[in-house]
Amino acid sequence: MTMQSEEEAGELPDAIHARIVQLSEEGDRLASQGSFERALAKYQAALGLLPTPSTDWEAATWLFAAIGDVHFKGRDFASGIDAFERAVQCPGGLGNPFIHLRRGQCLFETRDREGAMDELARAYMGAGKNIFSDEEPKYFEALSGVLKPPAGSSSL
């Protein structure tokens, strides 16, 4: 009987995981300072450490989400859509309210109203109204215009 390696068992070796976390934290710090290009470079470097296919790894989910978030904040909505599309293909990405929120916002900004409402509804269904609390009101207002309130309620 052969033993599975850590990669075959679905876990990254500790040293690689630690380096990915470090790069991700550096990217987060840079993004919070508005240094979007430098943050993207950190996230991309972290992605480069993942074995292929990268979409098989949970770390890829949050790295693609971070990349998409930086694109959203930098107003590069088309690139944000691409990053979030990759994130939903990774473990735990589909159904993640934050990923659906940001993807919906990017679609909204590129005038894909139908796609935006679908994604924003997924975010709402997964996390409720609170997920919109720190966002520009226009996203929840648009969703409120197409999504029916829950039974027994007059609003979302």
N, C-alpha and C. Protein backbone atom coordinates (compact mmCIF):
# COMPACT_ATOMS: atom_id res chain seq x y z
N MET A 1 0.85 -1.18 0.00
CA MET A 1 0.00 0.00 0.00
C MET A 1 0.89 1.24 0.00
N THR A 2 0.57 2.19 -0.89
CA THR A 2 1.37 3.41 -0.96
C THR A 2 0.69 4.53 -0.21
N MET A 3 1.48 5.36 0.39
CA MET A 3 0.94 6.53 1.11
C MET A 3 0.78 7.67 0.12
N GLN A 4 -0.30 8.45 0.27
CA GLN A 4 -0.51 9.60 -0.58
C GLN A 4 0.39 10.73 -0.12
N SER A 5 0.88 11.50 -1.08
CA SER A 5 1.62 12.70 -0.70
C SER A 5 0.61 13.73 -0.22
N GLU A 6 1.09 14.81 0.41
CA GLU A 6 0.20 15.86 0.88
C GLU A 6 -0.62 16.43 -0.27
N GLU A 7 0.03 16.63 -1.43
CA GLU A 7 -0.68 17.18 -2.58
C GLU A 7 -1.77 16.25 -3.05
N GLU A 8 -1.49 14.94 -3.09
CA GLU A 8 -2.50 13.99 -3.53
C GLU A 8 -3.66 13.94 -2.55
N ALA A 9 -3.42 14.20 -1.28
CA ALA A 9 -4.46 14.19 -0.27
C ALA A 9 -5.23 15.51 -0.24
N GLY A 10 -4.82 16.48 -1.05
CA GLY A 10 -5.53 17.75 -1.11
C GLY A 10 -5.02 18.82 -0.17
N GLU A 11 -3.86 18.61 0.42
CA GLU A 11 -3.28 19.60 1.31
C GLU A 11 -1.94 20.05 0.75
N LEU A 12 -1.70 21.34 0.84
CA LEU A 12 -0.42 21.87 0.39
C LEU A 12 0.65 21.60 1.44
N PRO A 13 1.87 21.39 1.01
CA PRO A 13 2.97 21.30 1.98
C PRO A 13 3.02 22.59 2.82
N ASP A 14 3.39 22.45 4.08
CA ASP A 14 3.37 23.58 5.01
C ASP A 14 4.16 24.79 4.50
N ALA A 15 5.34 24.56 3.94
CA ALA A 15 6.17 25.68 3.48
C ALA A 15 5.49 26.45 2.35
N ILE A 16 4.86 25.75 1.44
CA ILE A 16 4.17 26.42 0.33
C ILE A 16 2.95 27.16 0.86
N HIS A 17 2.20 26.52 1.74
CA HIS A 17 1.02 27.17 2.32
C HIS A 17 1.43 28.44 3.05
N ALA A 18 2.49 28.38 3.85
CA ALA A 18 2.95 29.54 4.61
C ALA A 18 3.35 30.68 3.67
N ARG A 19 4.03 30.35 2.59
CA ARG A 19 4.45 31.39 1.63
C ARG A 19 3.24 32.01 0.93
N ILE A 20 2.24 31.19 0.59
CA ILE A 20 1.02 31.71 -0.04
C ILE A 20 0.31 32.65 0.91
N VAL A 21 0.21 32.27 2.18
CA VAL A 21 -0.43 33.12 3.18
C VAL A 21 0.34 34.43 3.32
N GLN A 22 1.66 34.35 3.36
CA GLN A 22 2.48 35.56 3.49
C GLN A 22 2.25 36.50 2.30
N LEU A 23 2.31 35.96 1.09
CA LEU A 23 2.10 36.79 -0.10
C LEU A 23 0.69 37.38 -0.12
N SER A 24 -0.27 36.60 0.28
CA SER A 24 -1.65 37.07 0.32
C SER A 24 -1.80 38.22 1.33
N GLU A 25 -1.22 38.08 2.49
CA GLU A 25 -1.28 39.14 3.49
C GLU A 25 -0.59 40.40 3.00
N GLU A 26 0.53 40.25 2.30
CA GLU A 26 1.21 41.41 1.71
C GLU A 26 0.32 42.06 0.67
N GLY A 27 -0.34 41.24 -0.14
CA GLY A 27 -1.27 41.76 -1.14
C GLY A 27 -2.42 42.50 -0.49
N ASP A 28 -2.97 41.94 0.58
CA ASP A 28 -4.07 42.59 1.29
C ASP A 28 -3.64 43.96 1.83
N ARG A 29 -2.44 44.01 2.39
CA ARG A 29 -1.93 45.28 2.94
C ARG A 29 -1.78 46.31 1.83
N LEU A 30 -1.19 45.89 0.71
CA LEU A 30 -1.01 46.81 -0.41
C LEU A 30 -2.35 47.27 -0.98
N ALA A 31 -3.31 46.36 -1.09
CA ALA A 31 -4.63 46.71 -1.61
C ALA A 31 -5.31 47.73 -0.69
N SER A 32 -5.17 47.54 0.61
CA SER A 32 -5.80 48.47 1.55
C SER A 32 -5.18 49.87 1.47
N GLN A 33 -3.94 49.94 0.96
CA GLN A 33 -3.26 51.22 0.78
C GLN A 33 -3.52 51.81 -0.61
N GLY A 34 -4.28 51.08 -1.43
CA GLY A 34 -4.58 51.56 -2.78
C GLY A 34 -3.52 51.22 -3.81
N SER A 35 -2.55 50.41 -3.43
CA SER A 35 -1.48 49.99 -4.36
C SER A 35 -1.94 48.72 -5.09
N PHE A 36 -2.90 48.89 -5.99
CA PHE A 36 -3.56 47.75 -6.61
C PHE A 36 -2.64 46.92 -7.49
N GLU A 37 -1.80 47.56 -8.28
CA GLU A 37 -0.90 46.80 -9.16
C GLU A 37 0.08 45.96 -8.35
N ARG A 38 0.61 46.54 -7.28
CA ARG A 38 1.55 45.79 -6.43
C ARG A 38 0.83 44.66 -5.71
N ALA A 39 -0.41 44.91 -5.28
CA ALA A 39 -1.20 43.86 -4.63
C ALA A 39 -1.44 42.71 -5.61
N LEU A 40 -1.82 43.05 -6.84
CA LEU A 40 -2.05 42.01 -7.85
C LEU A 40 -0.81 41.15 -8.06
N ALA A 41 0.35 41.78 -8.07
CA ALA A 41 1.59 41.03 -8.26
C ALA A 41 1.79 40.02 -7.13
N LYS A 42 1.46 40.40 -5.91
CA LYS A 42 1.59 39.48 -4.77
C LYS A 42 0.62 38.31 -4.91
N TYR A 43 -0.63 38.61 -5.25
CA TYR A 43 -1.62 37.55 -5.41
C TYR A 43 -1.25 36.61 -6.55
N GLN A 44 -0.77 37.17 -7.65
CA GLN A 44 -0.36 36.35 -8.79
C GLN A 44 0.83 35.46 -8.42
N ALA A 45 1.76 36.01 -7.66
CA ALA A 45 2.91 35.22 -7.21
C ALA A 45 2.43 34.05 -6.34
N ALA A 46 1.47 34.31 -5.47
CA ALA A 46 0.92 33.25 -4.62
C ALA A 46 0.23 32.19 -5.47
N LEU A 47 -0.55 32.61 -6.46
CA LEU A 47 -1.19 31.64 -7.36
C LEU A 47 -0.16 30.77 -8.07
N GLY A 48 0.95 31.37 -8.43
CA GLY A 48 2.00 30.64 -9.13
C GLY A 48 2.63 29.53 -8.30
N LEU A 49 2.43 29.56 -7.01
CA LEU A 49 2.98 28.51 -6.14
C LEU A 49 2.07 27.28 -6.05
N LEU A 50 0.83 27.43 -6.50
CA LEU A 50 -0.10 26.30 -6.42
C LEU A 50 0.19 25.27 -7.50
N PRO A 51 0.10 24.00 -7.15
CA PRO A 51 0.23 22.95 -8.17
C PRO A 51 -0.92 23.08 -9.18
N THR A 52 -0.68 22.60 -10.39
CA THR A 52 -1.72 22.66 -11.41
C THR A 52 -2.61 21.43 -11.32
N PRO A 53 -3.86 21.57 -11.64
CA PRO A 53 -4.53 22.84 -11.95
C PRO A 53 -4.80 23.64 -10.68
N SER A 54 -4.54 24.92 -10.75
CA SER A 54 -4.67 25.77 -9.55
C SER A 54 -6.10 25.81 -9.03
N THR A 55 -7.07 25.61 -9.92
CA THR A 55 -8.47 25.68 -9.49
C THR A 55 -8.89 24.51 -8.60
N ASP A 56 -8.01 23.55 -8.39
CA ASP A 56 -8.30 22.43 -7.49
C ASP A 56 -8.04 22.78 -6.02
N TRP A 57 -7.47 23.93 -5.75
CA TRP A 57 -7.01 24.26 -4.41
C TRP A 57 -7.87 25.34 -3.76
N GLU A 58 -8.19 25.14 -2.48
CA GLU A 58 -8.97 26.15 -1.76
C GLU A 58 -8.26 27.50 -1.74
N ALA A 59 -6.95 27.49 -1.67
CA ALA A 59 -6.21 28.75 -1.66
C ALA A 59 -6.51 29.55 -2.92
N ALA A 60 -6.72 28.88 -4.04
CA ALA A 60 -7.03 29.58 -5.28
C ALA A 60 -8.34 30.34 -5.17
N THR A 61 -9.29 29.80 -4.42
CA THR A 61 -10.59 30.46 -4.26
C THR A 61 -10.39 31.85 -3.70
N TRP A 62 -9.67 31.94 -2.57
CA TRP A 62 -9.52 33.26 -1.97
C TRP A 62 -8.51 34.13 -2.71
N LEU A 63 -7.56 33.52 -3.41
CA LEU A 63 -6.64 34.35 -4.20
C LEU A 63 -7.36 34.96 -5.39
N PHE A 64 -8.16 34.17 -6.12
CA PHE A 64 -8.92 34.74 -7.24
C PHE A 64 -9.93 35.77 -6.74
N ALA A 65 -10.53 35.53 -5.57
CA ALA A 65 -11.46 36.50 -5.00
C ALA A 65 -10.72 37.80 -4.65
N ALA A 66 -9.53 37.69 -4.10
CA ALA A 66 -8.74 38.88 -3.78
C ALA A 66 -8.35 39.63 -5.05
N ILE A 67 -7.97 38.90 -6.07
CA ILE A 67 -7.63 39.52 -7.36
C ILE A 67 -8.86 40.24 -7.92
N GLY A 68 -10.00 39.58 -7.89
CA GLY A 68 -11.22 40.21 -8.38
C GLY A 68 -11.59 41.44 -7.58
N ASP A 69 -11.41 41.38 -6.27
CA ASP A 69 -11.71 42.52 -5.41
C ASP A 69 -10.82 43.71 -5.74
N VAL A 70 -9.55 43.45 -5.99
CA VAL A 70 -8.63 44.53 -6.35
C VAL A 70 -9.04 45.12 -7.70
N HIS A 71 -9.42 44.28 -8.64
CA HIS A 71 -9.88 44.80 -9.93
C HIS A 71 -11.15 45.64 -9.74
N PHE A 72 -12.08 45.17 -8.90
CA PHE A 72 -13.29 45.93 -8.64
C PHE A 72 -12.94 47.29 -8.05
N LYS A 73 -12.11 47.30 -7.03
CA LYS A 73 -11.75 48.55 -6.38
C LYS A 73 -10.97 49.48 -7.30
N GLY A 74 -10.22 48.88 -8.24
CA GLY A 74 -9.48 49.66 -9.23
C GLY A 74 -10.31 50.01 -10.45
N ARG A 75 -11.58 49.63 -10.43
CA ARG A 75 -12.54 49.92 -11.50
C ARG A 75 -12.21 49.23 -12.82
N ASP A 76 -11.51 48.12 -12.76
CA ASP A 76 -11.25 47.28 -13.94
C ASP A 76 -12.25 46.13 -13.86
N PHE A 77 -13.48 46.44 -14.21
CA PHE A 77 -14.58 45.51 -13.99
C PHE A 77 -14.51 44.26 -14.86
N ALA A 78 -14.05 44.39 -16.09
CA ALA A 78 -13.94 43.21 -16.95
C ALA A 78 -12.94 42.21 -16.37
N SER A 79 -11.82 42.69 -15.88
CA SER A 79 -10.84 41.78 -15.26
C SER A 79 -11.39 41.20 -13.96
N GLY A 80 -12.19 42.00 -13.24
CA GLY A 80 -12.83 41.50 -12.03
C GLY A 80 -13.78 40.35 -12.34
N ILE A 81 -14.57 40.50 -13.40
CA ILE A 81 -15.48 39.43 -13.80
C ILE A 81 -14.70 38.15 -14.07
N ASP A 82 -13.61 38.27 -14.81
CA ASP A 82 -12.78 37.10 -15.13
C ASP A 82 -12.25 36.43 -13.87
N ALA A 83 -11.74 37.23 -12.93
CA ALA A 83 -11.18 36.67 -11.70
C ALA A 83 -12.26 35.97 -10.87
N PHE A 84 -13.44 36.58 -10.78
CA PHE A 84 -14.51 35.95 -10.00
C PHE A 84 -15.05 34.71 -10.70
N GLU A 85 -15.02 34.69 -12.03
CA GLU A 85 -15.41 33.48 -12.76
C GLU A 85 -14.46 32.34 -12.40
N ARG A 86 -13.19 32.64 -12.30
CA ARG A 86 -12.21 31.62 -11.89
C ARG A 86 -12.46 31.20 -10.45
N ALA A 87 -12.80 32.17 -9.58
CA ALA A 87 -13.03 31.86 -8.16
C ALA A 87 -14.20 30.90 -7.98
N VAL A 88 -15.27 31.05 -8.78
CA VAL A 88 -16.42 30.15 -8.60
C VAL A 88 -16.12 28.75 -9.11
N GLN A 89 -15.04 28.59 -9.85
CA GLN A 89 -14.63 27.27 -10.34
C GLN A 89 -13.74 26.54 -9.34
N CYS A 90 -13.40 27.20 -8.26
CA CYS A 90 -12.52 26.64 -7.23
C CYS A 90 -13.36 26.11 -6.07
N PRO A 91 -12.74 25.28 -5.22
CA PRO A 91 -13.48 24.73 -4.07
C PRO A 91 -14.11 25.82 -3.20
N GLY A 92 -15.40 25.69 -2.96
CA GLY A 92 -16.11 26.64 -2.11
C GLY A 92 -16.44 27.98 -2.76
N GLY A 93 -16.08 28.15 -4.01
CA GLY A 93 -16.33 29.43 -4.67
C GLY A 93 -17.78 29.63 -5.06
N LEU A 94 -18.37 28.61 -5.64
CA LEU A 94 -19.77 28.69 -6.02
C LEU A 94 -20.61 28.70 -4.75
N GLY A 95 -21.42 29.71 -4.60
CA GLY A 95 -22.22 29.86 -3.39
C GLY A 95 -21.60 30.77 -2.35
N ASN A 96 -20.37 31.23 -2.56
CA ASN A 96 -19.73 32.15 -1.63
C ASN A 96 -20.35 33.53 -1.82
N PRO A 97 -21.04 34.06 -0.81
CA PRO A 97 -21.74 35.33 -0.97
C PRO A 97 -20.85 36.49 -1.41
N PHE A 98 -19.65 36.59 -0.85
CA PHE A 98 -18.77 37.69 -1.23
C PHE A 98 -18.40 37.61 -2.71
N ILE A 99 -18.06 36.42 -3.18
CA ILE A 99 -17.69 36.26 -4.59
C ILE A 99 -18.87 36.64 -5.48
N HIS A 100 -20.07 36.21 -5.12
CA HIS A 100 -21.25 36.55 -5.93
C HIS A 100 -21.55 38.05 -5.86
N LEU A 101 -21.36 38.65 -4.70
CA LEU A 101 -21.57 40.10 -4.56
C LEU A 101 -20.66 40.87 -5.50
N ARG A 102 -19.36 40.62 -5.39
CA ARG A 102 -18.41 41.38 -6.21
C ARG A 102 -18.58 41.08 -7.70
N ARG A 103 -18.84 39.83 -8.03
CA ARG A 103 -19.06 39.51 -9.45
C ARG A 103 -20.29 40.25 -9.95
N GLY A 104 -21.35 40.28 -9.14
CA GLY A 104 -22.55 41.02 -9.51
C GLY A 104 -22.29 42.50 -9.67
N GLN A 105 -21.49 43.07 -8.80
CA GLN A 105 -21.16 44.49 -8.91
C GLN A 105 -20.36 44.77 -10.18
N CYS A 106 -19.42 43.89 -10.50
CA CYS A 106 -18.64 44.07 -11.73
C CYS A 106 -19.56 43.97 -12.95
N LEU A 107 -20.45 43.00 -12.95
CA LEU A 107 -21.39 42.86 -14.06
C LEU A 107 -22.31 44.08 -14.15
N PHE A 108 -22.76 44.58 -13.02
CA PHE A 108 -23.59 45.78 -12.98
C PHE A 108 -22.87 46.95 -13.64
N GLU A 109 -21.59 47.11 -13.31
CA GLU A 109 -20.82 48.23 -13.84
C GLU A 109 -20.51 48.08 -15.33
N THR A 110 -20.57 46.86 -15.85
CA THR A 110 -20.36 46.66 -17.29
C THR A 110 -21.69 46.59 -18.02
N ARG A 111 -22.75 46.92 -17.31
CA ARG A 111 -24.10 47.01 -17.87
C ARG A 111 -24.72 45.67 -18.27
N ASP A 112 -24.26 44.60 -17.63
CA ASP A 112 -24.89 43.29 -17.82
C ASP A 112 -25.92 43.15 -16.70
N ARG A 113 -27.05 43.78 -16.88
CA ARG A 113 -28.06 43.85 -15.81
C ARG A 113 -28.57 42.47 -15.41
N GLU A 114 -28.85 41.62 -16.38
CA GLU A 114 -29.39 40.30 -16.06
C GLU A 114 -28.38 39.48 -15.25
N GLY A 115 -27.13 39.44 -15.71
CA GLY A 115 -26.09 38.72 -14.98
C GLY A 115 -25.85 39.31 -13.61
N ALA A 116 -25.88 40.66 -13.53
CA ALA A 116 -25.66 41.34 -12.25
C ALA A 116 -26.75 40.98 -11.25
N MET A 117 -27.99 41.00 -11.70
CA MET A 117 -29.09 40.70 -10.77
C MET A 117 -29.03 39.25 -10.30
N ASP A 118 -28.64 38.35 -11.19
CA ASP A 118 -28.49 36.95 -10.79
C ASP A 118 -27.43 36.81 -9.70
N GLU A 119 -26.28 37.42 -9.91
CA GLU A 119 -25.19 37.32 -8.94
C GLU A 119 -25.52 38.04 -7.63
N LEU A 120 -26.12 39.22 -7.72
CA LEU A 120 -26.48 39.95 -6.51
C LEU A 120 -27.55 39.19 -5.71
N ALA A 121 -28.46 38.53 -6.42
CA ALA A 121 -29.47 37.71 -5.74
C ALA A 121 -28.80 36.54 -5.02
N ARG A 122 -27.80 35.94 -5.64
CA ARG A 122 -27.07 34.84 -4.99
C ARG A 122 -26.39 35.34 -3.71
N ALA A 123 -25.81 36.54 -3.78
CA ALA A 123 -25.17 37.11 -2.59
C ALA A 123 -26.20 37.34 -1.49
N TYR A 124 -27.34 37.91 -1.88
CA TYR A 124 -28.41 38.18 -0.91
C TYR A 124 -28.93 36.88 -0.31
N MET A 125 -29.17 35.88 -1.14
CA MET A 125 -29.68 34.61 -0.65
C MET A 125 -28.69 33.92 0.29
N GLY A 126 -27.41 34.11 0.05
CA GLY A 126 -26.39 33.47 0.88
C GLY A 126 -26.07 34.19 2.17
N ALA A 127 -26.24 35.52 2.18
CA ALA A 127 -25.80 36.28 3.35
C ALA A 127 -26.81 37.30 3.85
N GLY A 128 -27.90 37.49 3.14
CA GLY A 128 -28.89 38.47 3.57
C GLY A 128 -28.49 39.89 3.22
N LYS A 129 -29.30 40.80 3.68
CA LYS A 129 -29.13 42.22 3.35
C LYS A 129 -27.82 42.79 3.88
N ASN A 130 -27.32 42.23 4.97
CA ASN A 130 -26.11 42.77 5.60
C ASN A 130 -24.90 42.78 4.67
N ILE A 131 -24.87 41.88 3.70
CA ILE A 131 -23.71 41.86 2.81
C ILE A 131 -23.61 43.14 1.99
N PHE A 132 -24.70 43.87 1.87
CA PHE A 132 -24.72 45.12 1.12
C PHE A 132 -24.45 46.34 2.00
N SER A 133 -24.32 46.16 3.29
CA SER A 133 -24.27 47.30 4.22
C SER A 133 -23.09 48.24 3.99
N ASP A 134 -21.97 47.74 3.54
CA ASP A 134 -20.80 48.61 3.32
C ASP A 134 -20.61 48.96 1.84
N GLU A 135 -21.61 48.64 1.03
CA GLU A 135 -21.51 48.86 -0.42
C GLU A 135 -22.32 50.08 -0.83
N GLU A 136 -22.05 50.58 -2.02
CA GLU A 136 -22.85 51.68 -2.55
C GLU A 136 -24.31 51.22 -2.62
N PRO A 137 -25.24 52.06 -2.21
CA PRO A 137 -26.66 51.67 -2.17
C PRO A 137 -27.24 51.26 -3.53
N LYS A 138 -26.65 51.71 -4.62
CA LYS A 138 -27.23 51.43 -5.94
C LYS A 138 -27.35 49.93 -6.22
N TYR A 139 -26.48 49.12 -5.67
CA TYR A 139 -26.53 47.68 -5.94
C TYR A 139 -27.75 47.04 -5.27
N PHE A 140 -27.97 47.36 -4.00
CA PHE A 140 -29.12 46.79 -3.31
C PHE A 140 -30.42 47.39 -3.85
N GLU A 141 -30.40 48.67 -4.20
CA GLU A 141 -31.59 49.29 -4.77
C GLU A 141 -31.98 48.62 -6.08
N ALA A 142 -30.99 48.31 -6.92
CA ALA A 142 -31.28 47.63 -8.19
C ALA A 142 -31.84 46.25 -7.93
N LEU A 143 -31.26 45.54 -6.99
CA LEU A 143 -31.74 44.20 -6.65
C LEU A 143 -33.16 44.27 -6.09
N SER A 144 -33.42 45.26 -5.26
CA SER A 144 -34.75 45.42 -4.66
C SER A 144 -35.83 45.63 -5.72
N GLY A 145 -35.43 46.17 -6.86
CA GLY A 145 -36.38 46.41 -7.94
C GLY A 145 -36.76 45.16 -8.72
N VAL A 146 -36.00 44.08 -8.56
CA VAL A 146 -36.29 42.86 -9.34
C VAL A 146 -36.56 41.64 -8.46
N LEU A 147 -36.09 41.64 -7.24
CA LEU A 147 -36.27 40.48 -6.36
C LEU A 147 -37.47 40.72 -5.44
N LYS A 148 -38.34 39.75 -5.38
CA LYS A 148 -39.51 39.86 -4.52
C LYS A 148 -39.10 39.65 -3.06
N PRO A 149 -39.75 40.41 -2.15
CA PRO A 149 -39.45 40.22 -0.72
C PRO A 149 -39.88 38.85 -0.24
N PRO A 150 -39.27 38.38 0.85
CA PRO A 150 -39.68 37.09 1.42
C PRO A 150 -41.16 37.13 1.81
N ALA A 151 -41.78 35.97 1.86
CA ALA A 151 -43.19 35.87 2.24
C ALA A 151 -43.41 36.54 3.59
N GLY A 152 -44.46 37.34 3.68
CA GLY A 152 -44.79 38.02 4.92
C GLY A 152 -44.03 39.29 5.16
N SER A 153 -43.22 39.72 4.19
CA SER A 153 -42.45 40.94 4.35
C SER A 153 -42.76 41.88 3.18
N SER A 154 -42.65 43.17 3.45
CA SER A 154 -42.92 44.14 2.38
C SER A 154 -41.64 44.64 1.70
N SER A 155 -40.48 44.24 2.22
CA SER A 155 -39.22 44.64 1.61
C SER A 155 -38.15 43.57 1.82
N LEU A 156 -37.08 43.69 1.07
CA LEU A 156 -35.97 42.74 1.22
C LEU A 156 -35.26 42.94 2.54
